[in-house]
Every structure is written in C-alpha cells, then in structure tokens.
C-alpha cells in the first residue's frame, strides 16, 4: 500500500509540476531540477525540508526520524522520514519539500 501511495504522489507531481522520477542512494525518488526532494525508503517516505522545519515537525510526527540511509547512525539533518501511520500527510509534505528544494536552487 505505501509504495502505491508513493507512486500515486509521483504521478500527480509529474503531471502538476516539472518533476522527474529517479533514484537516490538506489532508492526511488522524486526530483526537481535534478535534485531529490522526496524518497521512498523502507515502506515510508522521506522529505527534504531543512533542519529548522524538521525540528518543528518532529513534535507533530512522533514516529518520524532524521533519515539515515546508510543505517550507520549518520542521519541527514535536512531529511525527515515519515511513517506510513502519517501517510495522510505525505502529499502535503511532498509539496513542502518540493518548494523547499526549489528555494535553495
């Protein structure tokens, strides 16, 4: 179910925004201007939102963590991994991540 939701979000964004679908660290991702803003990882979605925004969101998403794609306790400060339990917000967070990455280009 979670992969289907990720695919649906990707299809919606391809049709609505100038994004592409690609890979980051071998994981499926959504990109704008060749920069990833959302990744599908371990049946969850990961969003590039910036450290300040992530600090605020962690209180709202209790199951969220900074993304550690290597699994070697080296989390990425600008990326937040959101559980399937909060999948109702994945589209909203993907839009927020898209705008964040567009703004840092």
N, C-alpha and C. Protein backbone atom coordinates (compact mmCIF):
# COMPACT_ATOMS: atom_id res chain seq x y z
N UNK A 1 0.81 -1.20 0.00
CA UNK A 1 0.00 0.00 0.00
C UNK A 1 0.85 1.26 0.00
N UNK A 2 1.91 1.29 0.79
CA UNK A 2 2.73 2.51 0.87
C UNK A 2 3.43 2.80 -0.45
N UNK A 3 3.90 1.78 -1.15
CA UNK A 3 4.54 2.01 -2.45
C UNK A 3 3.53 2.54 -3.45
N UNK A 4 2.31 2.04 -3.40
CA UNK A 4 1.26 2.53 -4.29
C UNK A 4 0.99 4.01 -4.03
N UNK A 5 0.95 4.39 -2.77
CA UNK A 5 0.73 5.80 -2.42
C UNK A 5 1.88 6.66 -2.92
N UNK A 6 3.12 6.21 -2.71
CA UNK A 6 4.28 6.93 -3.24
C UNK A 6 4.17 7.09 -4.75
N UNK A 7 3.84 6.01 -5.46
CA UNK A 7 3.70 6.06 -6.92
C UNK A 7 2.60 7.03 -7.33
N UNK A 8 1.49 7.04 -6.61
CA UNK A 8 0.40 7.97 -6.91
C UNK A 8 0.83 9.42 -6.73
N UNK A 9 1.56 9.69 -5.67
CA UNK A 9 2.07 11.05 -5.43
C UNK A 9 3.03 11.43 -6.55
N UNK A 10 3.91 10.52 -6.92
CA UNK A 10 4.84 10.79 -8.01
C UNK A 10 4.13 11.10 -9.31
N UNK A 11 3.12 10.31 -9.64
CA UNK A 11 2.36 10.54 -10.88
C UNK A 11 1.66 11.90 -10.85
N UNK A 12 1.07 12.21 -9.71
CA UNK A 12 0.39 13.50 -9.55
C UNK A 12 1.38 14.66 -9.74
N UNK A 13 2.55 14.54 -9.15
CA UNK A 13 3.54 15.61 -9.23
C UNK A 13 4.15 15.73 -10.63
N UNK A 14 4.33 14.61 -11.31
CA UNK A 14 4.83 14.65 -12.69
C UNK A 14 3.85 15.44 -13.55
N UNK A 15 2.56 15.20 -13.34
CA UNK A 15 1.53 15.88 -14.12
C UNK A 15 1.34 17.34 -13.73
N UNK A 16 1.58 17.67 -12.47
CA UNK A 16 1.29 19.01 -11.96
C UNK A 16 2.50 19.94 -11.93
N UNK A 17 3.68 19.38 -11.72
CA UNK A 17 4.91 20.18 -11.58
C UNK A 17 5.95 19.64 -12.57
N UNK A 18 7.00 20.35 -12.77
CA UNK A 18 8.07 19.92 -13.69
C UNK A 18 9.06 19.04 -12.94
N UNK A 19 8.61 17.89 -12.46
CA UNK A 19 9.48 16.99 -11.70
C UNK A 19 9.78 15.74 -12.51
N UNK A 20 10.76 15.02 -12.06
CA UNK A 20 11.09 13.73 -12.67
C UNK A 20 11.18 12.68 -11.58
N UNK A 21 11.14 11.44 -12.01
CA UNK A 21 11.28 10.31 -11.09
C UNK A 21 12.66 9.72 -11.32
N UNK A 22 13.37 9.44 -10.24
CA UNK A 22 14.73 8.92 -10.38
C UNK A 22 15.13 8.07 -9.21
N UNK A 23 16.42 8.09 -8.92
CA UNK A 23 17.00 7.28 -7.83
C UNK A 23 17.92 8.17 -6.98
N UNK A 24 17.95 7.88 -5.70
CA UNK A 24 18.90 8.49 -4.77
C UNK A 24 19.36 7.39 -3.83
N UNK A 25 20.63 7.13 -3.78
CA UNK A 25 21.18 6.02 -2.99
C UNK A 25 20.50 4.70 -3.35
N UNK A 26 20.12 4.54 -4.59
CA UNK A 26 19.47 3.33 -5.05
C UNK A 26 18.01 3.21 -4.67
N UNK A 27 17.44 4.28 -4.13
CA UNK A 27 16.03 4.28 -3.71
C UNK A 27 15.23 5.15 -4.67
N UNK A 28 13.97 4.81 -4.91
CA UNK A 28 13.14 5.64 -5.78
C UNK A 28 12.94 7.02 -5.17
N UNK A 29 13.01 8.04 -6.03
CA UNK A 29 12.85 9.40 -5.52
C UNK A 29 12.16 10.30 -6.54
N UNK A 30 11.71 11.44 -6.05
CA UNK A 30 11.14 12.49 -6.86
C UNK A 30 12.14 13.63 -6.90
N UNK A 31 12.35 14.22 -8.10
CA UNK A 31 13.36 15.26 -8.27
C UNK A 31 12.79 16.48 -8.97
N UNK A 32 13.34 17.63 -8.61
CA UNK A 32 13.08 18.87 -9.32
C UNK A 32 14.44 19.46 -9.69
N UNK A 33 14.60 19.82 -10.94
CA UNK A 33 15.89 20.34 -11.41
C UNK A 33 17.04 19.41 -11.04
N UNK A 34 16.79 18.12 -11.15
CA UNK A 34 17.78 17.06 -10.87
C UNK A 34 18.21 16.99 -9.40
N UNK A 35 17.40 17.57 -8.49
CA UNK A 35 17.68 17.48 -7.05
C UNK A 35 16.51 16.79 -6.37
N UNK A 36 16.83 15.77 -5.59
CA UNK A 36 15.79 14.99 -4.90
C UNK A 36 15.13 15.82 -3.81
N UNK A 37 13.81 15.64 -3.68
CA UNK A 37 13.07 16.27 -2.59
C UNK A 37 12.22 15.27 -1.81
N UNK A 38 12.00 14.09 -2.36
CA UNK A 38 11.25 13.04 -1.65
C UNK A 38 11.77 11.68 -2.09
N UNK A 39 11.86 10.76 -1.13
CA UNK A 39 12.42 9.43 -1.37
C UNK A 39 11.50 8.39 -0.74
N UNK A 40 11.38 7.24 -1.40
CA UNK A 40 10.65 6.11 -0.82
C UNK A 40 11.69 5.17 -0.21
N UNK A 41 11.56 4.88 1.09
CA UNK A 41 12.58 4.11 1.82
C UNK A 41 11.90 3.26 2.89
N UNK A 42 12.08 1.96 2.81
CA UNK A 42 11.55 1.03 3.82
C UNK A 42 10.06 1.25 4.09
N UNK A 43 9.28 1.32 3.02
CA UNK A 43 7.82 1.49 3.11
C UNK A 43 7.40 2.80 3.77
N UNK A 44 8.28 3.78 3.78
CA UNK A 44 7.98 5.11 4.32
C UNK A 44 8.46 6.15 3.32
N UNK A 45 8.06 7.40 3.55
CA UNK A 45 8.55 8.47 2.68
C UNK A 45 9.46 9.38 3.47
N UNK A 46 10.43 9.92 2.75
CA UNK A 46 11.43 10.80 3.33
C UNK A 46 11.38 12.11 2.56
N UNK A 47 11.44 13.23 3.28
CA UNK A 47 11.28 14.54 2.66
C UNK A 47 12.43 15.46 3.05
N UNK A 48 12.94 16.20 2.06
CA UNK A 48 13.98 17.19 2.33
C UNK A 48 13.28 18.49 2.69
N UNK A 49 13.39 18.89 3.94
CA UNK A 49 12.64 20.03 4.45
C UNK A 49 13.51 21.07 5.15
N UNK A 50 14.75 20.77 5.39
CA UNK A 50 15.62 21.68 6.12
C UNK A 50 15.54 21.43 7.62
N UNK A 51 16.65 21.64 8.28
CA UNK A 51 16.76 21.30 9.70
C UNK A 51 15.77 22.07 10.57
N UNK A 52 15.59 23.35 10.32
CA UNK A 52 14.69 24.17 11.15
C UNK A 52 13.26 23.63 11.08
N UNK A 53 12.78 23.35 9.89
CA UNK A 53 11.42 22.83 9.72
C UNK A 53 11.29 21.44 10.33
N UNK A 54 12.31 20.62 10.18
CA UNK A 54 12.28 19.27 10.74
C UNK A 54 12.17 19.32 12.26
N UNK A 55 12.89 20.24 12.89
CA UNK A 55 12.80 20.37 14.35
C UNK A 55 11.37 20.67 14.78
N UNK A 56 10.65 21.45 13.99
CA UNK A 56 9.25 21.77 14.31
C UNK A 56 8.33 20.57 14.05
N UNK A 57 8.56 19.88 12.95
CA UNK A 57 7.69 18.77 12.56
C UNK A 57 7.84 17.54 13.44
N UNK A 58 9.00 17.34 14.00
CA UNK A 58 9.21 16.14 14.84
C UNK A 58 8.24 16.08 16.01
N UNK A 59 7.80 17.22 16.51
CA UNK A 59 6.84 17.21 17.62
C UNK A 59 5.46 16.77 17.13
N UNK A 60 5.15 17.04 15.87
CA UNK A 60 3.85 16.66 15.31
C UNK A 60 3.83 15.19 14.85
N UNK A 61 4.94 14.72 14.33
CA UNK A 61 5.04 13.34 13.82
C UNK A 61 5.92 12.54 14.77
N UNK A 62 5.30 11.93 15.75
CA UNK A 62 6.05 11.27 16.82
C UNK A 62 6.87 10.08 16.33
N UNK A 63 6.49 9.47 15.21
CA UNK A 63 7.24 8.32 14.69
C UNK A 63 8.31 8.73 13.67
N UNK A 64 8.49 10.03 13.47
CA UNK A 64 9.45 10.49 12.47
C UNK A 64 10.87 10.49 13.03
N UNK A 65 11.83 10.34 12.10
CA UNK A 65 13.25 10.38 12.46
C UNK A 65 14.01 11.05 11.32
N UNK A 66 15.15 11.61 11.66
CA UNK A 66 16.04 12.07 10.60
C UNK A 66 16.48 10.84 9.81
N UNK A 67 16.49 10.98 8.52
CA UNK A 67 16.78 9.85 7.63
C UNK A 67 18.24 9.43 7.74
N UNK A 68 18.45 8.14 7.92
CA UNK A 68 19.78 7.54 7.99
C UNK A 68 19.86 6.45 6.92
N UNK A 69 20.06 6.84 5.65
CA UNK A 69 20.01 5.85 4.58
C UNK A 69 21.08 4.77 4.68
N UNK A 70 22.20 5.07 5.33
CA UNK A 70 23.27 4.08 5.44
C UNK A 70 23.02 3.09 6.56
N UNK A 71 22.18 3.47 7.53
CA UNK A 71 21.96 2.61 8.69
C UNK A 71 23.15 2.56 9.63
N UNK A 72 24.06 3.53 9.49
CA UNK A 72 25.28 3.55 10.30
C UNK A 72 25.28 4.70 11.31
N UNK A 73 24.08 5.06 11.76
CA UNK A 73 23.92 6.13 12.74
C UNK A 73 24.52 7.45 12.26
N UNK A 74 24.26 7.76 10.97
CA UNK A 74 24.69 9.03 10.39
C UNK A 74 23.49 9.70 9.71
N UNK A 75 22.53 10.15 10.54
CA UNK A 75 21.32 10.73 9.96
C UNK A 75 21.61 12.04 9.22
N UNK A 76 20.79 12.30 8.23
CA UNK A 76 20.93 13.51 7.41
C UNK A 76 20.03 14.59 8.01
N UNK A 77 20.63 15.71 8.36
CA UNK A 77 19.92 16.75 9.12
C UNK A 77 18.77 17.41 8.37
N UNK A 78 18.80 17.44 7.04
CA UNK A 78 17.77 18.11 6.27
C UNK A 78 16.64 17.20 5.80
N UNK A 79 16.72 15.92 6.14
CA UNK A 79 15.77 14.93 5.64
C UNK A 79 15.00 14.29 6.80
N UNK A 80 13.67 14.21 6.65
CA UNK A 80 12.82 13.62 7.69
C UNK A 80 12.06 12.42 7.12
N UNK A 81 12.18 11.28 7.80
CA UNK A 81 11.50 10.05 7.41
C UNK A 81 10.17 9.98 8.16
N UNK A 82 9.08 9.86 7.39
CA UNK A 82 7.73 9.87 7.95
C UNK A 82 7.10 8.50 7.80
N UNK A 83 6.57 7.99 8.88
CA UNK A 83 5.97 6.65 8.94
C UNK A 83 4.70 6.56 8.09
N UNK A 84 4.37 5.34 7.71
CA UNK A 84 3.13 5.06 7.00
C UNK A 84 1.92 5.47 7.83
N UNK A 85 2.06 5.48 9.15
CA UNK A 85 0.94 5.89 10.01
C UNK A 85 0.54 7.35 9.77
N UNK A 86 1.44 8.14 9.21
CA UNK A 86 1.16 9.54 8.89
C UNK A 86 1.07 9.76 7.38
N UNK A 87 0.72 8.72 6.64
CA UNK A 87 0.70 8.80 5.18
C UNK A 87 -0.35 9.77 4.65
N UNK A 88 -1.34 10.11 5.46
CA UNK A 88 -2.34 11.10 5.02
C UNK A 88 -1.68 12.45 4.73
N UNK A 89 -0.52 12.70 5.30
CA UNK A 89 0.18 13.97 5.12
C UNK A 89 1.31 13.89 4.09
N UNK A 90 1.52 12.73 3.48
CA UNK A 90 2.64 12.59 2.55
C UNK A 90 2.56 13.57 1.38
N UNK A 91 1.39 13.77 0.81
CA UNK A 91 1.27 14.69 -0.32
C UNK A 91 1.60 16.11 0.11
N UNK A 92 1.06 16.52 1.25
CA UNK A 92 1.33 17.86 1.77
C UNK A 92 2.82 18.05 2.03
N UNK A 93 3.45 17.05 2.62
CA UNK A 93 4.88 17.15 2.92
C UNK A 93 5.72 17.12 1.64
N UNK A 94 5.27 16.37 0.64
CA UNK A 94 5.98 16.35 -0.64
C UNK A 94 5.94 17.73 -1.29
N UNK A 95 4.80 18.41 -1.24
CA UNK A 95 4.71 19.78 -1.77
C UNK A 95 5.63 20.71 -1.00
N UNK A 96 5.64 20.57 0.30
CA UNK A 96 6.51 21.41 1.13
C UNK A 96 7.98 21.16 0.79
N UNK A 97 8.35 19.90 0.61
CA UNK A 97 9.73 19.56 0.25
C UNK A 97 10.07 20.08 -1.14
N UNK A 98 9.16 19.97 -2.07
CA UNK A 98 9.37 20.49 -3.42
C UNK A 98 9.67 21.98 -3.37
N UNK A 99 8.86 22.72 -2.63
CA UNK A 99 9.08 24.17 -2.54
C UNK A 99 10.38 24.50 -1.81
N UNK A 100 10.73 23.69 -0.81
CA UNK A 100 11.99 23.90 -0.10
C UNK A 100 13.17 23.74 -1.06
N UNK A 101 13.19 22.66 -1.81
CA UNK A 101 14.30 22.39 -2.73
C UNK A 101 14.33 23.42 -3.87
N UNK A 102 13.18 23.83 -4.36
CA UNK A 102 13.14 24.87 -5.38
C UNK A 102 13.76 26.17 -4.85
N UNK A 103 13.52 26.45 -3.59
CA UNK A 103 14.02 27.69 -2.98
C UNK A 103 15.51 27.72 -2.73
N UNK A 104 16.14 26.54 -2.66
CA UNK A 104 17.58 26.52 -2.40
C UNK A 104 18.39 26.36 -3.68
N UNK A 105 17.72 26.29 -4.82
CA UNK A 105 18.42 26.18 -6.11
C UNK A 105 19.07 27.49 -6.49
